[in-house]
């Protein structure tokens, strides 16, 4: 009798765990519970010899994710790859494009990328991909903003003709852009 009773308890626990796994994998209103959009791909629930319950799942989140408490990750977290935007003349950079790499495509003359108003944390990379004379890359600051301690509303630019020159800039606050990394010859044009 004890054996049957023991099996019945474990069978009940396994059924409950399977039901919980189904909720994690298929619950349609999960967004309402945690406040973000997710797409559950799979889930696994295990109990180890120390009676520790573990829920493993693969998910893609499209909104912000808030974590309260400790987060332990076994495996990898894969960020969204950076976006590359190619331009041939003037391009108005948007705040929503933070994290984007912008490239001048060459053979079209100078390319000017106009920055949005600085907001702390915005970050962009610019690549001068042309060796053709006059295919320069200009980064224009918005009204009242400076780039790399230059004059407000002026350009930070690459006017040399070497290939693959790059600069990454980040807004430190609501008026200052700072160079985070730089390859090649870049300078402020304060005139």
N, C-alpha and C. Protein backbone atom coordinates (compact mmCIF):
# COMPACT_ATOMS: atom_id res chain seq x y z
N UNK A 1 0.80 -1.18 0.00
CA UNK A 1 0.00 0.00 0.00
C UNK A 1 0.85 1.26 0.00
N UNK A 2 1.89 1.27 0.78
CA UNK A 2 2.74 2.44 0.82
C UNK A 2 3.31 2.75 -0.55
N UNK A 3 3.72 1.75 -1.25
CA UNK A 3 4.31 1.94 -2.56
C UNK A 3 3.31 2.58 -3.50
N UNK A 4 2.09 2.09 -3.48
CA UNK A 4 1.07 2.66 -4.35
C UNK A 4 0.78 4.10 -3.95
N UNK A 5 0.71 4.34 -2.63
CA UNK A 5 0.44 5.69 -2.16
C UNK A 5 1.57 6.63 -2.59
N UNK A 6 2.82 6.18 -2.43
CA UNK A 6 3.99 6.97 -2.85
C UNK A 6 3.95 7.26 -4.33
N UNK A 7 3.59 6.28 -5.15
CA UNK A 7 3.51 6.49 -6.59
C UNK A 7 2.40 7.48 -6.91
N UNK A 8 1.31 7.40 -6.16
CA UNK A 8 0.19 8.30 -6.43
C UNK A 8 0.58 9.74 -6.15
N UNK A 9 1.32 9.97 -5.07
CA UNK A 9 1.77 11.33 -4.75
C UNK A 9 2.69 11.84 -5.84
N UNK A 10 3.69 11.04 -6.24
CA UNK A 10 4.62 11.47 -7.27
C UNK A 10 3.92 11.66 -8.61
N UNK A 11 2.95 10.80 -8.89
CA UNK A 11 2.20 10.94 -10.12
C UNK A 11 1.44 12.26 -10.10
N UNK A 12 0.85 12.60 -8.97
CA UNK A 12 0.14 13.87 -8.85
C UNK A 12 1.07 15.05 -9.02
N UNK A 13 2.24 14.98 -8.42
CA UNK A 13 3.21 16.06 -8.56
C UNK A 13 3.63 16.21 -10.01
N UNK A 14 3.91 15.10 -10.68
CA UNK A 14 4.31 15.14 -12.08
C UNK A 14 3.20 15.73 -12.94
N UNK A 15 1.95 15.35 -12.67
CA UNK A 15 0.83 15.90 -13.44
C UNK A 15 0.73 17.41 -13.20
N UNK A 16 0.87 17.85 -11.96
CA UNK A 16 0.83 19.28 -11.66
C UNK A 16 1.97 19.99 -12.38
N UNK A 17 3.16 19.42 -12.35
CA UNK A 17 4.30 20.03 -13.03
C UNK A 17 4.08 20.10 -14.53
N UNK A 18 3.50 19.06 -15.09
CA UNK A 18 3.21 19.07 -16.53
C UNK A 18 2.19 20.16 -16.82
N UNK A 19 1.20 20.31 -15.94
CA UNK A 19 0.22 21.37 -16.12
C UNK A 19 0.89 22.74 -16.02
N UNK A 20 1.79 22.93 -15.05
CA UNK A 20 2.51 24.20 -14.91
C UNK A 20 3.35 24.44 -16.15
N UNK A 21 4.03 23.41 -16.65
CA UNK A 21 4.84 23.56 -17.87
C UNK A 21 3.96 23.99 -19.03
N UNK A 22 2.77 23.42 -19.10
CA UNK A 22 1.85 23.82 -20.16
C UNK A 22 1.44 25.28 -20.03
N UNK A 23 1.27 25.74 -18.80
CA UNK A 23 0.92 27.15 -18.59
C UNK A 23 2.07 28.04 -19.04
N UNK A 24 3.32 27.68 -18.66
CA UNK A 24 4.45 28.47 -19.09
C UNK A 24 4.60 28.47 -20.60
N UNK A 25 4.35 27.34 -21.22
CA UNK A 25 4.57 27.24 -22.66
C UNK A 25 3.43 27.81 -23.48
N UNK A 26 2.21 27.77 -22.97
CA UNK A 26 1.07 28.09 -23.82
C UNK A 26 0.13 29.17 -23.29
N UNK A 27 0.41 29.73 -22.15
CA UNK A 27 -0.54 30.68 -21.57
C UNK A 27 -0.69 31.89 -22.47
N UNK A 28 -1.87 32.15 -22.92
CA UNK A 28 -2.12 33.23 -23.86
C UNK A 28 -2.07 34.60 -23.23
N UNK A 29 -2.36 34.69 -21.92
CA UNK A 29 -2.38 36.00 -21.29
C UNK A 29 -1.13 36.24 -20.44
N UNK A 30 -0.03 35.63 -20.79
CA UNK A 30 1.22 35.80 -20.06
C UNK A 30 1.62 37.27 -20.01
N UNK A 31 1.36 38.01 -21.09
CA UNK A 31 1.69 39.43 -21.14
C UNK A 31 1.05 40.18 -19.98
N UNK A 32 -0.18 39.84 -19.65
CA UNK A 32 -0.88 40.53 -18.58
C UNK A 32 -0.25 40.26 -17.22
N UNK A 33 0.38 39.11 -17.08
CA UNK A 33 0.97 38.73 -15.80
C UNK A 33 2.27 39.47 -15.56
N UNK A 34 3.17 39.53 -16.54
CA UNK A 34 4.49 40.12 -16.33
C UNK A 34 4.67 41.46 -17.00
N UNK A 35 3.74 41.90 -17.81
CA UNK A 35 3.83 43.23 -18.39
C UNK A 35 4.78 43.36 -19.55
N UNK A 36 5.09 42.27 -20.23
CA UNK A 36 5.90 42.39 -21.43
C UNK A 36 5.41 41.40 -22.47
N UNK A 37 5.91 41.56 -23.68
CA UNK A 37 5.51 40.68 -24.76
C UNK A 37 6.55 39.59 -24.90
N UNK A 38 6.14 38.35 -24.95
CA UNK A 38 7.09 37.25 -25.10
C UNK A 38 6.54 36.21 -26.04
N UNK A 39 7.43 35.39 -26.51
CA UNK A 39 7.05 34.31 -27.40
C UNK A 39 7.74 33.05 -26.88
N UNK A 40 7.03 32.27 -26.06
CA UNK A 40 7.61 31.07 -25.48
C UNK A 40 7.81 30.03 -26.55
N UNK A 41 9.04 29.49 -26.63
CA UNK A 41 9.34 28.47 -27.62
C UNK A 41 9.30 27.07 -27.02
N UNK A 42 9.77 26.93 -25.79
CA UNK A 42 9.74 25.62 -25.14
C UNK A 42 9.94 25.82 -23.64
N UNK A 43 9.57 24.82 -22.87
CA UNK A 43 9.82 24.90 -21.44
C UNK A 43 10.03 23.50 -20.89
N UNK A 44 10.81 23.42 -19.83
CA UNK A 44 11.09 22.16 -19.17
C UNK A 44 11.07 22.39 -17.66
N UNK A 45 10.45 21.51 -16.93
CA UNK A 45 10.45 21.60 -15.48
C UNK A 45 11.07 20.32 -14.93
N UNK A 46 12.03 20.50 -14.01
CA UNK A 46 12.70 19.33 -13.42
C UNK A 46 12.78 19.50 -11.91
N UNK A 47 12.85 18.36 -11.21
CA UNK A 47 13.10 18.33 -9.78
C UNK A 47 14.33 17.48 -9.58
N UNK A 48 15.37 18.08 -8.98
CA UNK A 48 16.60 17.33 -8.78
C UNK A 48 16.53 16.55 -7.46
N UNK A 49 17.62 15.84 -7.11
CA UNK A 49 17.63 14.99 -5.93
C UNK A 49 17.49 15.78 -4.64
N UNK A 50 17.76 17.10 -4.67
CA UNK A 50 17.61 17.93 -3.48
C UNK A 50 16.23 18.57 -3.44
N UNK A 51 15.31 18.09 -4.29
CA UNK A 51 13.95 18.60 -4.38
C UNK A 51 13.88 20.06 -4.82
N UNK A 52 14.85 20.49 -5.62
CA UNK A 52 14.86 21.84 -6.16
C UNK A 52 14.08 21.84 -7.46
N UNK A 53 13.14 22.76 -7.54
CA UNK A 53 12.32 22.88 -8.74
C UNK A 53 13.02 23.83 -9.71
N UNK A 54 13.17 23.42 -10.94
CA UNK A 54 13.80 24.27 -11.96
C UNK A 54 12.88 24.36 -13.17
N UNK A 55 12.69 25.57 -13.64
CA UNK A 55 11.90 25.79 -14.86
C UNK A 55 12.87 26.34 -15.90
N UNK A 56 12.99 25.65 -17.01
CA UNK A 56 13.87 26.10 -18.09
C UNK A 56 13.01 26.43 -19.29
N UNK A 57 13.29 27.56 -19.90
CA UNK A 57 12.51 27.93 -21.07
C UNK A 57 13.35 28.75 -22.03
N UNK A 58 12.93 28.79 -23.26
CA UNK A 58 13.54 29.63 -24.28
C UNK A 58 12.49 30.64 -24.68
N UNK A 59 12.85 31.91 -24.64
CA UNK A 59 11.86 32.92 -24.93
C UNK A 59 12.48 34.10 -25.65
N UNK A 60 11.67 34.80 -26.43
CA UNK A 60 12.08 36.03 -27.08
C UNK A 60 11.21 37.14 -26.53
N UNK A 61 11.82 38.18 -26.00
CA UNK A 61 11.08 39.30 -25.46
C UNK A 61 11.21 40.48 -26.41
N UNK A 62 10.11 41.18 -26.66
CA UNK A 62 10.12 42.31 -27.56
C UNK A 62 9.94 43.63 -26.83
N UNK A 63 9.70 43.59 -25.54
CA UNK A 63 9.56 44.79 -24.73
C UNK A 63 10.57 44.72 -23.59
N UNK A 64 10.57 45.72 -22.72
CA UNK A 64 11.45 45.72 -21.57
C UNK A 64 11.12 44.55 -20.66
N UNK A 65 12.14 44.02 -20.00
CA UNK A 65 11.97 42.92 -19.05
C UNK A 65 12.50 43.40 -17.71
N UNK A 66 11.69 43.32 -16.69
CA UNK A 66 12.11 43.71 -15.34
C UNK A 66 12.32 42.44 -14.53
N UNK A 67 13.45 42.37 -13.84
CA UNK A 67 13.77 41.20 -13.02
C UNK A 67 13.92 41.67 -11.59
N UNK A 68 13.19 41.04 -10.68
CA UNK A 68 13.30 41.34 -9.28
C UNK A 68 13.98 40.15 -8.62
N UNK A 69 15.04 40.40 -7.91
CA UNK A 69 15.78 39.30 -7.29
C UNK A 69 16.95 38.90 -8.16
N UNK A 70 17.45 37.70 -7.94
CA UNK A 70 18.63 37.22 -8.66
C UNK A 70 18.26 36.58 -9.99
N UNK A 71 19.12 36.74 -10.97
CA UNK A 71 18.96 36.09 -12.26
C UNK A 71 20.17 35.21 -12.48
N UNK A 72 19.95 33.93 -12.70
CA UNK A 72 21.03 33.01 -13.02
C UNK A 72 20.78 32.50 -14.43
N UNK A 73 21.78 32.64 -15.29
CA UNK A 73 21.64 32.21 -16.67
C UNK A 73 22.63 31.08 -16.92
N UNK A 74 22.13 29.96 -17.42
CA UNK A 74 23.03 28.92 -17.91
C UNK A 74 22.75 28.84 -19.39
N UNK A 75 23.75 29.07 -20.17
CA UNK A 75 23.57 29.17 -21.62
C UNK A 75 23.95 30.57 -22.07
N UNK A 76 23.27 31.11 -23.05
CA UNK A 76 23.65 32.41 -23.59
C UNK A 76 22.45 33.36 -23.65
N UNK A 77 22.76 34.63 -23.61
CA UNK A 77 21.79 35.66 -23.89
C UNK A 77 22.25 36.30 -25.18
N UNK A 78 21.41 36.29 -26.18
CA UNK A 78 21.79 36.79 -27.49
C UNK A 78 21.11 38.13 -27.76
N UNK A 79 21.91 39.22 -27.86
CA UNK A 79 21.31 40.52 -28.17
C UNK A 79 20.93 40.60 -29.63
N UNK A 80 20.05 41.54 -29.94
CA UNK A 80 19.67 41.79 -31.32
C UNK A 80 20.89 42.36 -32.04
N UNK A 81 21.19 41.86 -33.24
CA UNK A 81 22.35 42.40 -33.96
C UNK A 81 22.15 43.88 -34.27
N UNK A 82 23.27 44.60 -34.35
CA UNK A 82 23.22 46.02 -34.66
C UNK A 82 22.70 46.24 -36.08
N UNK A 83 22.02 47.35 -36.24
CA UNK A 83 21.49 47.73 -37.54
C UNK A 83 22.50 48.62 -38.23
N UNK A 84 22.66 48.45 -39.53
CA UNK A 84 23.55 49.29 -40.31
C UNK A 84 22.70 50.07 -41.31
N UNK A 85 22.86 51.39 -41.30
CA UNK A 85 22.14 52.26 -42.23
C UNK A 85 23.16 52.91 -43.14
N UNK A 86 22.99 52.74 -44.45
CA UNK A 86 23.87 53.39 -45.43
C UNK A 86 23.18 54.64 -45.95
N UNK A 87 23.95 55.71 -46.11
CA UNK A 87 23.39 56.95 -46.63
C UNK A 87 24.35 57.55 -47.66
N UNK A 88 23.81 58.32 -48.57
CA UNK A 88 24.64 58.93 -49.61
C UNK A 88 24.69 60.45 -49.54
N UNK A 89 23.76 61.10 -48.85
CA UNK A 89 23.79 62.55 -48.73
C UNK A 89 23.47 62.94 -47.29
N UNK A 90 22.33 63.54 -47.06
CA UNK A 90 21.95 63.95 -45.70
C UNK A 90 21.04 62.91 -45.06
N UNK A 91 21.22 62.70 -43.76
CA UNK A 91 20.41 61.73 -43.05
C UNK A 91 20.14 62.28 -41.65
N UNK A 92 18.89 62.34 -41.25
CA UNK A 92 18.52 62.78 -39.90
C UNK A 92 18.42 61.56 -39.00
N UNK A 93 19.35 61.46 -38.08
CA UNK A 93 19.40 60.34 -37.14
C UNK A 93 18.31 60.52 -36.10
N UNK A 94 17.61 59.44 -35.77
CA UNK A 94 16.53 59.47 -34.79
C UNK A 94 17.00 58.92 -33.45
N UNK A 95 16.40 59.41 -32.38
CA UNK A 95 16.71 58.88 -31.04
C UNK A 95 16.41 57.39 -30.98
N UNK A 96 15.37 56.95 -31.67
CA UNK A 96 14.99 55.53 -31.66
C UNK A 96 16.01 54.65 -32.38
N UNK A 97 16.96 55.25 -33.07
CA UNK A 97 18.00 54.48 -33.76
C UNK A 97 19.26 54.32 -32.92
N UNK A 98 19.19 54.63 -31.64
CA UNK A 98 20.34 54.46 -30.75
C UNK A 98 20.86 53.04 -30.87
N UNK A 99 22.18 52.89 -30.97
CA UNK A 99 22.80 51.59 -31.14
C UNK A 99 23.07 51.24 -32.60
N UNK A 100 22.66 52.11 -33.50
CA UNK A 100 22.80 51.85 -34.93
C UNK A 100 24.17 52.31 -35.44
N UNK A 101 24.66 51.61 -36.46
CA UNK A 101 25.88 52.01 -37.16
C UNK A 101 25.47 52.65 -38.49
N UNK A 102 26.00 53.83 -38.75
CA UNK A 102 25.70 54.56 -39.98
C UNK A 102 26.95 54.60 -40.85
N UNK A 103 26.77 54.37 -42.15
CA UNK A 103 27.90 54.29 -43.08
C UNK A 103 27.63 55.20 -44.27
N UNK A 104 28.66 55.98 -44.68
CA UNK A 104 28.51 56.71 -45.93
C UNK A 104 28.92 55.74 -47.04
N UNK A 105 28.15 55.71 -48.11
CA UNK A 105 28.37 54.70 -49.15
C UNK A 105 29.40 55.11 -50.19
N UNK A 106 29.82 56.35 -50.22
CA UNK A 106 30.86 56.78 -51.15
C UNK A 106 30.33 57.10 -52.53
N UNK A 107 31.17 57.76 -53.31
CA UNK A 107 30.86 58.15 -54.69
C UNK A 107 29.62 59.02 -54.80
N UNK A 108 29.30 59.75 -53.75
CA UNK A 108 28.13 60.61 -53.78
C UNK A 108 28.42 61.97 -53.18
N UNK A 109 29.65 62.24 -52.85
CA UNK A 109 29.98 63.50 -52.17
C UNK A 109 29.87 63.34 -50.67
N UNK A 110 29.92 64.46 -49.99
CA UNK A 110 29.89 64.45 -48.53
C UNK A 110 28.54 63.95 -48.01
N UNK A 111 28.59 63.24 -46.89
CA UNK A 111 27.38 62.75 -46.24
C UNK A 111 27.31 63.39 -44.85
N UNK A 112 26.19 64.02 -44.55
CA UNK A 112 26.00 64.64 -43.24
C UNK A 112 24.94 63.87 -42.48
N UNK A 113 25.31 63.41 -41.29
CA UNK A 113 24.38 62.74 -40.37
C UNK A 113 24.04 63.75 -39.28
N UNK A 114 22.81 64.18 -39.20
CA UNK A 114 22.37 65.16 -38.20
C UNK A 114 21.83 64.42 -36.97
N UNK A 115 22.47 64.67 -35.85
CA UNK A 115 22.09 64.00 -34.60
C UNK A 115 20.79 64.55 -34.05
N UNK A 116 20.06 63.72 -33.31
CA UNK A 116 18.89 64.24 -32.57
C UNK A 116 19.40 65.04 -31.38
N UNK A 117 18.52 65.72 -30.69
CA UNK A 117 18.89 66.40 -29.46
C UNK A 117 19.45 65.36 -28.50
N UNK A 118 20.56 65.69 -27.87
CA UNK A 118 21.22 64.74 -26.96
C UNK A 118 20.31 64.35 -25.81
N UNK A 119 20.30 63.06 -25.50
CA UNK A 119 19.62 62.50 -24.33
C UNK A 119 20.58 61.47 -23.76
N UNK A 120 20.90 61.58 -22.50
CA UNK A 120 21.89 60.70 -21.87
C UNK A 120 21.65 59.24 -22.25
N UNK A 121 22.71 58.59 -22.74
CA UNK A 121 22.65 57.17 -23.07
C UNK A 121 22.51 56.87 -24.55
N UNK A 122 22.06 57.82 -25.36
CA UNK A 122 21.99 57.56 -26.81
C UNK A 122 23.41 57.31 -27.33
N UNK A 123 23.55 56.34 -28.22
CA UNK A 123 24.88 55.99 -28.73
C UNK A 123 24.78 55.58 -30.20
N UNK A 124 25.74 56.06 -30.99
CA UNK A 124 25.76 55.78 -32.43
C UNK A 124 27.20 55.56 -32.88
N UNK A 125 27.34 54.77 -33.94
CA UNK A 125 28.65 54.58 -34.58
C UNK A 125 28.54 55.05 -36.02
N UNK A 126 29.57 55.74 -36.48
CA UNK A 126 29.62 56.26 -37.84
C UNK A 126 30.88 55.73 -38.51
N UNK A 127 30.74 55.23 -39.75
CA UNK A 127 31.87 54.67 -40.49
C UNK A 127 32.01 55.40 -41.82
N UNK A 128 33.22 55.97 -42.03
CA UNK A 128 33.54 56.59 -43.32
C UNK A 128 34.13 55.47 -44.17
N UNK A 129 33.36 55.01 -45.13
CA UNK A 129 33.72 53.82 -45.91
C UNK A 129 34.20 54.18 -47.31
N UNK A 130 34.71 55.40 -47.51
CA UNK A 130 35.09 55.82 -48.85
C UNK A 130 36.50 56.40 -48.87
N UNK A 131 37.26 56.05 -49.89
CA UNK A 131 38.60 56.63 -50.09
C UNK A 131 38.56 57.70 -51.18
N UNK A 132 37.38 57.96 -51.73
CA UNK A 132 37.23 58.95 -52.79
C UNK A 132 37.30 60.35 -52.19
N UNK A 133 38.10 61.22 -52.82
CA UNK A 133 38.20 62.60 -52.36
C UNK A 133 36.82 63.23 -52.33
N UNK A 134 36.56 64.02 -51.32
CA UNK A 134 35.31 64.76 -51.12
C UNK A 134 34.13 63.88 -50.69
N UNK A 135 34.33 62.60 -50.51
CA UNK A 135 33.28 61.74 -49.94
C UNK A 135 33.44 61.72 -48.42
N UNK A 136 33.35 62.88 -47.82
CA UNK A 136 33.60 63.04 -46.40
C UNK A 136 32.36 62.70 -45.58
N UNK A 137 32.57 62.46 -44.30
CA UNK A 137 31.47 62.15 -43.39
C UNK A 137 31.42 63.23 -42.32
N UNK A 138 30.26 63.89 -42.19
CA UNK A 138 30.05 64.92 -41.19
C UNK A 138 28.97 64.47 -40.21
N UNK A 139 29.21 64.72 -38.92
CA UNK A 139 28.21 64.45 -37.88
C UNK A 139 27.84 65.81 -37.31
N UNK A 140 26.60 66.21 -37.50
CA UNK A 140 26.14 67.54 -37.09
C UNK A 140 25.40 67.48 -35.76
N UNK A 141 25.83 68.33 -34.83
CA UNK A 141 25.15 68.43 -33.52
C UNK A 141 23.87 69.23 -33.66
N UNK A 142 22.87 68.89 -32.86
CA UNK A 142 21.60 69.62 -32.84
C UNK A 142 21.80 70.96 -32.12
N UNK A 143 20.82 71.83 -32.22
CA UNK A 143 20.88 73.15 -31.59
C UNK A 143 21.21 73.03 -30.11
N UNK A 144 22.26 73.74 -29.67
CA UNK A 144 22.67 73.76 -28.27
C UNK A 144 23.54 72.60 -27.84
N UNK A 145 23.74 71.60 -28.69
CA UNK A 145 24.55 70.42 -28.34
C UNK A 145 25.98 70.56 -28.85
N UNK A 146 26.91 69.90 -28.15
CA UNK A 146 28.30 69.86 -28.58
C UNK A 146 28.74 68.42 -28.81
N UNK A 147 29.74 68.25 -29.66
CA UNK A 147 30.34 66.92 -29.87
C UNK A 147 31.81 67.02 -29.49
N UNK A 148 32.23 66.17 -28.58
CA UNK A 148 33.63 66.08 -28.15
C UNK A 148 34.18 67.44 -27.72
N UNK A 149 33.40 68.18 -26.93
CA UNK A 149 33.77 69.49 -26.38
C UNK A 149 33.98 70.55 -27.46
N UNK A 150 33.38 70.36 -28.61
CA UNK A 150 33.47 71.37 -29.68
C UNK A 150 32.46 72.48 -29.45
N UNK A 151 32.35 73.34 -30.46
CA UNK A 151 31.39 74.44 -30.41
C UNK A 151 29.98 73.91 -30.65
N UNK A 152 29.01 74.49 -29.96
CA UNK A 152 27.63 74.04 -30.10
C UNK A 152 27.15 74.18 -31.54
N UNK A 153 26.35 73.20 -31.95
CA UNK A 153 25.73 73.17 -33.28
C UNK A 153 26.72 73.07 -34.43
N UNK A 154 27.90 72.53 -34.19
CA UNK A 154 28.90 72.37 -35.24
C UNK A 154 29.12 70.89 -35.53
N UNK A 155 30.00 70.61 -36.49
CA UNK A 155 30.24 69.25 -36.96
C UNK A 155 31.45 68.58 -36.32
N UNK A 156 31.36 67.28 -36.22
CA UNK A 156 32.50 66.41 -35.94
C UNK A 156 32.68 65.65 -37.24
N UNK A 157 33.89 65.64 -37.82
CA UNK A 157 34.00 65.14 -39.19
C UNK A 157 35.27 64.37 -39.49
N UNK A 158 35.13 63.57 -40.55
CA UNK A 158 36.24 62.80 -41.10
C UNK A 158 36.39 63.26 -42.56
N UNK A 159 37.51 63.93 -42.85
CA UNK A 159 37.71 64.45 -44.20
C UNK A 159 38.92 63.84 -44.90
N UNK A 160 39.54 62.86 -44.26
CA UNK A 160 40.68 62.18 -44.90
C UNK A 160 40.16 61.05 -45.79
N UNK A 161 41.00 60.58 -46.67
CA UNK A 161 40.56 59.62 -47.68
C UNK A 161 41.10 58.20 -47.44
N UNK A 162 41.11 57.78 -46.20
CA UNK A 162 41.49 56.41 -45.86
C UNK A 162 40.22 55.62 -45.60
N UNK A 163 40.23 54.36 -45.96
CA UNK A 163 39.03 53.54 -45.82
C UNK A 163 38.83 53.06 -44.38
N UNK A 164 37.56 52.88 -44.03
CA UNK A 164 37.13 52.30 -42.75
C UNK A 164 37.60 53.11 -41.54
N UNK A 165 37.27 54.38 -41.55
CA UNK A 165 37.48 55.20 -40.37
C UNK A 165 36.16 55.21 -39.62
N UNK A 166 36.22 55.11 -38.30
CA UNK A 166 34.98 54.97 -37.53
C UNK A 166 35.06 55.73 -36.23
N UNK A 167 33.89 56.17 -35.76
CA UNK A 167 33.79 56.84 -34.47
C UNK A 167 32.48 56.41 -33.81
N UNK A 168 32.53 56.19 -32.50
CA UNK A 168 31.33 55.91 -31.72
C UNK A 168 31.17 57.06 -30.73
N UNK A 169 29.97 57.66 -30.74
CA UNK A 169 29.71 58.76 -29.82
C UNK A 169 28.50 58.42 -28.95
N UNK A 170 28.53 58.96 -27.74
CA UNK A 170 27.43 58.72 -26.79
C UNK A 170 27.07 60.04 -26.12
N UNK A 171 25.77 60.24 -25.91
CA UNK A 171 25.30 61.43 -25.19
C UNK A 171 25.52 61.22 -23.70
N UNK A 172 26.23 62.16 -23.09
CA UNK A 172 26.49 62.09 -21.65
C UNK A 172 25.34 62.71 -20.85
N UNK A 173 24.67 63.69 -21.47
CA UNK A 173 23.55 64.38 -20.83
C UNK A 173 22.71 65.00 -21.94
N UNK A 174 21.96 66.05 -21.65
CA UNK A 174 21.09 66.61 -22.67
C UNK A 174 21.73 67.69 -23.55
N UNK A 175 23.06 67.86 -23.46
CA UNK A 175 23.75 68.82 -24.35
C UNK A 175 25.11 68.33 -24.85
N UNK A 176 25.64 67.26 -24.28
CA UNK A 176 27.02 66.84 -24.63
C UNK A 176 27.09 65.45 -25.24
N UNK A 177 27.70 65.36 -26.40
CA UNK A 177 28.06 64.09 -27.03
C UNK A 177 29.56 63.90 -26.83
N UNK A 178 29.97 62.70 -26.47
CA UNK A 178 31.39 62.42 -26.24
C UNK A 178 31.83 61.25 -27.11
N UNK A 179 33.08 61.33 -27.60
CA UNK A 179 33.63 60.23 -28.39
C UNK A 179 34.00 59.10 -27.43
N UNK A 180 33.46 57.91 -27.71
CA UNK A 180 33.73 56.72 -26.89
C UNK A 180 34.90 55.94 -27.49
N UNK A 181 34.92 55.84 -28.81
CA UNK A 181 36.04 55.20 -29.50
C UNK A 181 36.18 55.82 -30.88
N UNK A 182 37.39 55.75 -31.41
CA UNK A 182 37.67 56.40 -32.68
C UNK A 182 38.81 55.69 -33.39
N UNK A 183 38.62 55.47 -34.70
CA UNK A 183 39.66 54.90 -35.54
C UNK A 183 39.80 55.83 -36.74
N UNK A 184 41.02 56.25 -37.05
CA UNK A 184 41.23 57.16 -38.17
C UNK A 184 41.34 58.60 -37.71
N UNK A 185 41.15 59.51 -38.64
CA UNK A 185 41.32 60.93 -38.36
C UNK A 185 39.99 61.64 -38.33
N UNK A 186 39.58 62.10 -37.16
CA UNK A 186 38.33 62.82 -36.94
C UNK A 186 38.66 64.11 -36.21
N UNK A 187 37.87 65.15 -36.44
CA UNK A 187 38.12 66.42 -35.77
C UNK A 187 36.85 67.25 -35.69
N UNK A 188 36.85 68.18 -34.72
CA UNK A 188 35.76 69.15 -34.62
C UNK A 188 35.98 70.22 -35.68
N UNK A 189 34.91 70.63 -36.34
CA UNK A 189 34.93 71.77 -37.23
C UNK A 189 34.11 72.83 -36.53
N UNK A 190 34.81 73.75 -35.86
CA UNK A 190 34.14 74.77 -35.04
C UNK A 190 33.88 76.07 -35.81
N UNK A 191 34.09 76.04 -37.11
CA UNK A 191 33.88 77.27 -37.87
C UNK A 191 32.46 77.39 -38.36
